[in-house]
Amino acid sequence: MIKHRPNKSGPAPLGCPLETSLKLLAGAWTPQILWYLRLEGRRFGDLKRDLGVISAKVLTTRLKELEKRRVIIRTVMHTSPPTVEYALTPLGHKLGPILEAIAEVGGEIARMEEKGAALKPIKEKAETLYA
């Protein structure tokens, strides 16, 4: 019989902020949009070119959603013709290191899969977990 081990992490916080953050990042194109905005503001057309195959309608929807959640800010520039620039808010900038960490882990996983290492279990880890 397998021995029950208590959870050392404790209960999830009320309203689970982790789940809230993951829901934000789970939106279609959201991580990519945030990635391109992490270093500087970008105009709509620039973002559309950066993202490639995204439609203008989907990009507009995502940008409005991120603006509503106060992750990005939309600035109308009074030029001729008028242009709009999107940039991260201070809250949005907090997501930058998270996206970079996810990209780093993703790169590591891809390298392991190329070598076939991801398919091999690590015995010493499994033994220490269940000892």
N, C-alpha and C. Protein backbone atom coordinates (compact mmCIF):
# COMPACT_ATOMS: atom_id res chain seq x y z
N MET A 1 0.84 -1.18 0.00
CA MET A 1 0.00 0.00 0.00
C MET A 1 0.89 1.25 0.00
N ILE A 2 0.50 2.22 -0.77
CA ILE A 2 1.28 3.45 -0.87
C ILE A 2 0.97 4.35 0.32
N LYS A 3 2.04 4.83 0.95
CA LYS A 3 1.91 5.69 2.12
C LYS A 3 1.51 7.11 1.69
N HIS A 4 0.51 7.67 2.36
CA HIS A 4 0.08 9.04 2.08
C HIS A 4 1.12 10.02 2.58
N ARG A 5 1.47 10.96 1.72
CA ARG A 5 2.42 12.00 2.11
C ARG A 5 1.69 13.33 2.15
N PRO A 6 1.77 14.07 3.25
CA PRO A 6 1.10 15.37 3.32
C PRO A 6 1.74 16.38 2.36
N ASN A 7 0.94 17.30 1.89
CA ASN A 7 1.41 18.34 0.98
C ASN A 7 2.21 19.36 1.78
N LYS A 8 3.46 19.60 1.38
CA LYS A 8 4.32 20.54 2.09
C LYS A 8 4.11 21.98 1.61
N SER A 9 3.40 22.15 0.51
CA SER A 9 3.18 23.49 -0.04
C SER A 9 2.10 24.26 0.70
N GLY A 10 1.25 23.56 1.38
CA GLY A 10 0.14 24.23 2.05
C GLY A 10 -1.00 24.46 1.08
N PRO A 11 -2.12 24.95 1.57
CA PRO A 11 -3.27 25.16 0.69
C PRO A 11 -3.02 26.31 -0.29
N ALA A 12 -3.69 26.23 -1.43
CA ALA A 12 -3.58 27.30 -2.43
C ALA A 12 -4.18 28.59 -1.86
N PRO A 13 -3.61 29.74 -2.19
CA PRO A 13 -4.16 31.01 -1.69
C PRO A 13 -5.60 31.19 -2.16
N LEU A 14 -6.39 31.91 -1.38
CA LEU A 14 -7.77 32.18 -1.76
C LEU A 14 -7.80 32.94 -3.07
N GLY A 15 -8.69 32.55 -3.97
CA GLY A 15 -8.77 33.20 -5.26
C GLY A 15 -7.58 32.89 -6.15
N CYS A 16 -6.79 31.95 -5.78
CA CYS A 16 -5.56 31.48 -6.41
C CYS A 16 -4.96 32.43 -7.46
N PRO A 17 -4.04 33.29 -7.06
CA PRO A 17 -3.41 34.22 -7.99
C PRO A 17 -2.63 33.51 -9.10
N LEU A 18 -2.14 32.31 -8.81
CA LEU A 18 -1.44 31.55 -9.84
C LEU A 18 -2.39 31.23 -10.99
N GLU A 19 -3.59 30.78 -10.65
CA GLU A 19 -4.59 30.46 -11.67
C GLU A 19 -4.97 31.71 -12.47
N THR A 20 -5.10 32.84 -11.79
CA THR A 20 -5.44 34.10 -12.47
C THR A 20 -4.36 34.46 -13.48
N SER A 21 -3.09 34.34 -13.08
CA SER A 21 -1.98 34.66 -13.98
C SER A 21 -1.93 33.70 -15.16
N LEU A 22 -2.15 32.42 -14.88
CA LEU A 22 -2.10 31.44 -15.96
C LEU A 22 -3.26 31.63 -16.95
N LYS A 23 -4.42 32.03 -16.44
CA LYS A 23 -5.55 32.31 -17.35
C LYS A 23 -5.21 33.47 -18.28
N LEU A 24 -4.55 34.47 -17.75
CA LEU A 24 -4.15 35.61 -18.57
C LEU A 24 -3.20 35.15 -19.68
N LEU A 25 -2.20 34.37 -19.32
CA LEU A 25 -1.20 33.92 -20.29
C LEU A 25 -1.74 32.87 -21.25
N ALA A 26 -2.85 32.23 -20.89
CA ALA A 26 -3.41 31.17 -21.73
C ALA A 26 -4.19 31.72 -22.92
N GLY A 27 -4.48 33.00 -22.94
CA GLY A 27 -5.22 33.59 -24.05
C GLY A 27 -4.45 33.44 -25.35
N ALA A 28 -5.17 33.18 -26.43
CA ALA A 28 -4.53 33.02 -27.74
C ALA A 28 -3.69 34.25 -28.07
N TRP A 29 -2.46 34.04 -28.44
CA TRP A 29 -1.52 35.07 -28.84
C TRP A 29 -1.02 35.96 -27.70
N THR A 30 -1.57 35.83 -26.51
CA THR A 30 -1.20 36.72 -25.41
C THR A 30 0.29 36.64 -25.06
N PRO A 31 0.86 35.45 -24.86
CA PRO A 31 2.30 35.41 -24.53
C PRO A 31 3.17 36.06 -25.61
N GLN A 32 2.82 35.84 -26.87
CA GLN A 32 3.60 36.42 -27.96
C GLN A 32 3.48 37.94 -27.98
N ILE A 33 2.28 38.44 -27.77
CA ILE A 33 2.09 39.90 -27.74
C ILE A 33 2.92 40.50 -26.61
N LEU A 34 2.83 39.92 -25.43
CA LEU A 34 3.59 40.42 -24.28
C LEU A 34 5.09 40.32 -24.54
N TRP A 35 5.51 39.26 -25.22
CA TRP A 35 6.93 39.08 -25.53
C TRP A 35 7.44 40.25 -26.38
N TYR A 36 6.68 40.61 -27.42
CA TYR A 36 7.12 41.68 -28.30
C TYR A 36 7.04 43.06 -27.66
N LEU A 37 6.24 43.19 -26.63
CA LEU A 37 6.13 44.48 -25.94
C LEU A 37 7.06 44.61 -24.74
N ARG A 38 7.76 43.54 -24.38
CA ARG A 38 8.50 43.55 -23.12
C ARG A 38 9.66 44.54 -23.09
N LEU A 39 10.22 44.89 -24.24
CA LEU A 39 11.36 45.81 -24.25
C LEU A 39 11.00 47.23 -24.67
N GLU A 40 9.94 47.36 -25.49
CA GLU A 40 9.56 48.70 -25.97
C GLU A 40 8.13 48.68 -26.47
N GLY A 41 7.54 49.86 -26.55
CA GLY A 41 6.20 49.98 -27.11
C GLY A 41 6.23 49.69 -28.60
N ARG A 42 5.10 49.20 -29.12
CA ARG A 42 5.01 48.87 -30.54
C ARG A 42 3.69 49.39 -31.09
N ARG A 43 3.72 49.81 -32.34
CA ARG A 43 2.49 50.22 -33.01
C ARG A 43 1.75 48.97 -33.48
N PHE A 44 0.45 49.14 -33.75
CA PHE A 44 -0.40 48.02 -34.15
C PHE A 44 0.19 47.27 -35.35
N GLY A 45 0.55 48.00 -36.39
CA GLY A 45 1.09 47.38 -37.61
C GLY A 45 2.38 46.62 -37.34
N ASP A 46 3.23 47.18 -36.46
CA ASP A 46 4.47 46.50 -36.11
C ASP A 46 4.19 45.18 -35.40
N LEU A 47 3.24 45.22 -34.44
CA LEU A 47 2.86 43.99 -33.74
C LEU A 47 2.31 42.96 -34.71
N LYS A 48 1.48 43.40 -35.62
CA LYS A 48 0.89 42.47 -36.59
C LYS A 48 1.98 41.82 -37.43
N ARG A 49 2.97 42.59 -37.85
CA ARG A 49 4.09 42.02 -38.62
C ARG A 49 4.93 41.10 -37.74
N ASP A 50 5.16 41.49 -36.48
CA ASP A 50 5.94 40.65 -35.57
C ASP A 50 5.30 39.27 -35.41
N LEU A 51 3.97 39.26 -35.29
CA LEU A 51 3.25 38.02 -34.99
C LEU A 51 2.99 37.16 -36.23
N GLY A 52 3.07 37.74 -37.40
CA GLY A 52 2.92 36.94 -38.62
C GLY A 52 1.49 36.69 -39.03
N VAL A 53 0.96 35.51 -38.76
CA VAL A 53 -0.32 35.09 -39.33
C VAL A 53 -1.56 35.53 -38.56
N ILE A 54 -1.41 36.33 -37.53
CA ILE A 54 -2.57 36.78 -36.75
C ILE A 54 -3.42 37.75 -37.57
N SER A 55 -4.74 37.62 -37.44
CA SER A 55 -5.63 38.55 -38.15
C SER A 55 -5.73 39.85 -37.36
N ALA A 56 -6.09 40.92 -38.04
CA ALA A 56 -6.25 42.22 -37.39
C ALA A 56 -7.34 42.15 -36.33
N LYS A 57 -8.41 41.40 -36.60
CA LYS A 57 -9.52 41.29 -35.66
C LYS A 57 -9.07 40.61 -34.36
N VAL A 58 -8.33 39.52 -34.48
CA VAL A 58 -7.87 38.80 -33.29
C VAL A 58 -6.88 39.65 -32.51
N LEU A 59 -5.97 40.31 -33.21
CA LEU A 59 -5.00 41.16 -32.53
C LEU A 59 -5.71 42.30 -31.79
N THR A 60 -6.68 42.92 -32.43
CA THR A 60 -7.44 44.00 -31.79
C THR A 60 -8.14 43.49 -30.53
N THR A 61 -8.76 42.31 -30.63
CA THR A 61 -9.46 41.72 -29.49
C THR A 61 -8.51 41.47 -28.33
N ARG A 62 -7.34 40.88 -28.63
CA ARG A 62 -6.36 40.59 -27.57
C ARG A 62 -5.85 41.87 -26.94
N LEU A 63 -5.55 42.86 -27.75
CA LEU A 63 -5.03 44.12 -27.23
C LEU A 63 -6.07 44.80 -26.33
N LYS A 64 -7.33 44.79 -26.74
CA LYS A 64 -8.39 45.38 -25.91
C LYS A 64 -8.52 44.62 -24.58
N GLU A 65 -8.43 43.30 -24.64
CA GLU A 65 -8.52 42.49 -23.42
C GLU A 65 -7.36 42.79 -22.48
N LEU A 66 -6.15 42.89 -23.01
CA LEU A 66 -4.98 43.18 -22.18
C LEU A 66 -5.04 44.60 -21.62
N GLU A 67 -5.59 45.53 -22.40
CA GLU A 67 -5.75 46.89 -21.92
C GLU A 67 -6.78 46.93 -20.79
N LYS A 68 -7.87 46.20 -20.95
CA LYS A 68 -8.92 46.14 -19.93
C LYS A 68 -8.38 45.56 -18.63
N ARG A 69 -7.46 44.61 -18.73
CA ARG A 69 -6.88 43.98 -17.55
C ARG A 69 -5.68 44.76 -17.01
N ARG A 70 -5.42 45.91 -17.62
CA ARG A 70 -4.37 46.83 -17.19
C ARG A 70 -2.95 46.25 -17.30
N VAL A 71 -2.78 45.40 -18.30
CA VAL A 71 -1.47 44.81 -18.56
C VAL A 71 -0.72 45.64 -19.59
N ILE A 72 -1.48 46.24 -20.51
CA ILE A 72 -0.88 47.14 -21.49
C ILE A 72 -1.62 48.47 -21.47
N ILE A 73 -0.97 49.47 -22.04
CA ILE A 73 -1.59 50.79 -22.17
C ILE A 73 -1.58 51.16 -23.65
N ARG A 74 -2.64 51.79 -24.08
CA ARG A 74 -2.80 52.22 -25.47
C ARG A 74 -2.64 53.74 -25.50
N THR A 75 -1.71 54.22 -26.32
CA THR A 75 -1.46 55.64 -26.43
C THR A 75 -1.71 56.08 -27.87
N VAL A 76 -2.63 57.03 -28.02
CA VAL A 76 -2.93 57.59 -29.34
C VAL A 76 -1.96 58.74 -29.58
N MET A 77 -1.23 58.66 -30.68
CA MET A 77 -0.29 59.72 -31.03
C MET A 77 -0.94 60.63 -32.06
N HIS A 78 -0.89 61.90 -31.77
CA HIS A 78 -1.54 62.87 -32.65
C HIS A 78 -0.61 63.25 -33.79
N THR A 79 -0.49 62.31 -34.71
CA THR A 79 0.33 62.52 -35.90
C THR A 79 -0.60 62.47 -37.10
N SER A 80 -0.04 62.67 -38.26
CA SER A 80 -0.84 62.57 -39.47
C SER A 80 -0.22 61.49 -40.35
N PRO A 81 -0.85 60.37 -40.54
CA PRO A 81 -2.12 59.92 -39.96
C PRO A 81 -1.93 59.53 -38.49
N PRO A 82 -3.02 59.54 -37.72
CA PRO A 82 -2.92 59.18 -36.30
C PRO A 82 -2.40 57.74 -36.14
N THR A 83 -1.55 57.56 -35.17
CA THR A 83 -1.04 56.22 -34.88
C THR A 83 -1.31 55.89 -33.42
N VAL A 84 -1.30 54.60 -33.13
CA VAL A 84 -1.54 54.11 -31.79
C VAL A 84 -0.36 53.23 -31.40
N GLU A 85 0.12 53.43 -30.19
CA GLU A 85 1.22 52.60 -29.70
C GLU A 85 0.76 51.87 -28.45
N TYR A 86 1.18 50.62 -28.34
CA TYR A 86 0.87 49.79 -27.18
C TYR A 86 2.16 49.53 -26.42
N ALA A 87 2.07 49.61 -25.10
CA ALA A 87 3.23 49.37 -24.24
C ALA A 87 2.75 48.67 -22.98
N LEU A 88 3.69 48.02 -22.30
CA LEU A 88 3.36 47.36 -21.04
C LEU A 88 3.21 48.38 -19.92
N THR A 89 2.28 48.13 -19.05
CA THR A 89 2.13 48.90 -17.82
C THR A 89 3.15 48.35 -16.82
N PRO A 90 3.30 48.96 -15.65
CA PRO A 90 4.18 48.37 -14.64
C PRO A 90 3.77 46.93 -14.30
N LEU A 91 2.47 46.68 -14.26
CA LEU A 91 2.00 45.30 -14.02
C LEU A 91 2.45 44.39 -15.16
N GLY A 92 2.32 44.85 -16.39
CA GLY A 92 2.74 44.06 -17.55
C GLY A 92 4.23 43.77 -17.54
N HIS A 93 5.03 44.75 -17.09
CA HIS A 93 6.48 44.54 -17.03
C HIS A 93 6.85 43.43 -16.05
N LYS A 94 6.02 43.20 -15.06
CA LYS A 94 6.29 42.11 -14.11
C LYS A 94 6.21 40.75 -14.79
N LEU A 95 5.51 40.67 -15.91
CA LEU A 95 5.39 39.40 -16.63
C LEU A 95 6.62 39.11 -17.49
N GLY A 96 7.45 40.11 -17.76
CA GLY A 96 8.64 39.92 -18.60
C GLY A 96 9.56 38.82 -18.11
N PRO A 97 10.01 38.86 -16.85
CA PRO A 97 10.90 37.79 -16.36
C PRO A 97 10.22 36.41 -16.38
N ILE A 98 8.90 36.39 -16.18
CA ILE A 98 8.18 35.12 -16.22
C ILE A 98 8.23 34.55 -17.63
N LEU A 99 7.96 35.39 -18.63
CA LEU A 99 8.00 34.93 -20.02
C LEU A 99 9.40 34.48 -20.41
N GLU A 100 10.41 35.21 -19.95
CA GLU A 100 11.80 34.83 -20.26
C GLU A 100 12.14 33.49 -19.61
N ALA A 101 11.67 33.27 -18.38
CA ALA A 101 11.92 31.98 -17.70
C ALA A 101 11.20 30.84 -18.43
N ILE A 102 9.97 31.08 -18.86
CA ILE A 102 9.23 30.06 -19.60
C ILE A 102 9.94 29.74 -20.91
N ALA A 103 10.44 30.77 -21.60
CA ALA A 103 11.16 30.57 -22.86
C ALA A 103 12.44 29.77 -22.61
N GLU A 104 13.13 30.05 -21.52
CA GLU A 104 14.36 29.33 -21.19
C GLU A 104 14.06 27.85 -20.93
N VAL A 105 13.03 27.59 -20.15
CA VAL A 105 12.66 26.20 -19.86
C VAL A 105 12.22 25.50 -21.15
N GLY A 106 11.44 26.20 -21.98
CA GLY A 106 11.01 25.63 -23.26
C GLY A 106 12.18 25.26 -24.14
N GLY A 107 13.19 26.12 -24.17
CA GLY A 107 14.39 25.82 -24.95
C GLY A 107 15.11 24.59 -24.42
N GLU A 108 15.18 24.49 -23.10
CA GLU A 108 15.83 23.34 -22.48
C GLU A 108 15.06 22.05 -22.79
N ILE A 109 13.74 22.11 -22.72
CA ILE A 109 12.92 20.93 -23.03
C ILE A 109 13.12 20.53 -24.49
N ALA A 110 13.14 21.52 -25.39
CA ALA A 110 13.33 21.23 -26.82
C ALA A 110 14.68 20.56 -27.06
N ARG A 111 15.73 21.06 -26.39
CA ARG A 111 17.06 20.44 -26.56
C ARG A 111 17.07 19.01 -26.03
N MET A 112 16.40 18.78 -24.90
CA MET A 112 16.33 17.43 -24.34
C MET A 112 15.57 16.50 -25.29
N GLU A 113 14.48 16.98 -25.86
CA GLU A 113 13.69 16.16 -26.77
C GLU A 113 14.47 15.84 -28.04
N GLU A 114 15.29 16.80 -28.51
CA GLU A 114 16.12 16.55 -29.68
C GLU A 114 17.09 15.40 -29.41
N LYS A 115 17.60 15.34 -28.20
CA LYS A 115 18.55 14.29 -27.83
C LYS A 115 17.85 13.02 -27.38
N GLY A 116 16.54 13.07 -27.21
CA GLY A 116 15.80 11.91 -26.72
C GLY A 116 15.87 11.75 -25.22
N ALA A 117 16.46 12.73 -24.53
CA ALA A 117 16.65 12.64 -23.07
C ALA A 117 15.33 12.73 -22.32
N ALA A 118 14.34 13.41 -22.90
CA ALA A 118 13.07 13.59 -22.19
C ALA A 118 12.33 12.27 -22.04
N LEU A 119 12.68 11.29 -22.85
CA LEU A 119 11.99 10.02 -22.80
C LEU A 119 12.56 9.08 -21.74
N LYS A 120 13.75 9.39 -21.23
CA LYS A 120 14.40 8.53 -20.25
C LYS A 120 14.09 9.00 -18.84
N PRO A 121 13.52 8.13 -17.99
CA PRO A 121 13.26 8.55 -16.61
C PRO A 121 14.56 8.70 -15.83
N ILE A 122 14.55 9.59 -14.88
CA ILE A 122 15.72 9.80 -14.04
C ILE A 122 15.49 9.01 -12.75
N LYS A 123 16.17 7.87 -12.63
CA LYS A 123 15.90 6.96 -11.52
C LYS A 123 16.19 7.54 -10.15
N GLU A 124 17.33 8.22 -10.00
CA GLU A 124 17.68 8.72 -8.68
C GLU A 124 16.66 9.71 -8.15
N LYS A 125 16.04 10.49 -9.03
CA LYS A 125 15.01 11.43 -8.61
C LYS A 125 13.77 10.66 -8.10
N ALA A 126 13.35 9.67 -8.85
CA ALA A 126 12.16 8.91 -8.47
C ALA A 126 12.39 8.18 -7.16
N GLU A 127 13.58 7.66 -6.96
CA GLU A 127 13.86 6.93 -5.72
C GLU A 127 13.83 7.85 -4.52
N THR A 128 14.35 9.08 -4.65
CA THR A 128 14.35 9.99 -3.51
C THR A 128 12.96 10.53 -3.21
N LEU A 129 12.12 10.63 -4.24
CA LEU A 129 10.76 11.12 -4.01
C LEU A 129 9.93 10.16 -3.19
N TYR A 130 10.15 8.87 -3.39
CA TYR A 130 9.29 7.89 -2.74
C TYR A 130 9.99 7.13 -1.62
N ALA A 131 11.13 7.63 -1.20
CA ALA A 131 11.87 6.94 -0.13
C ALA A 131 11.27 7.25 1.23
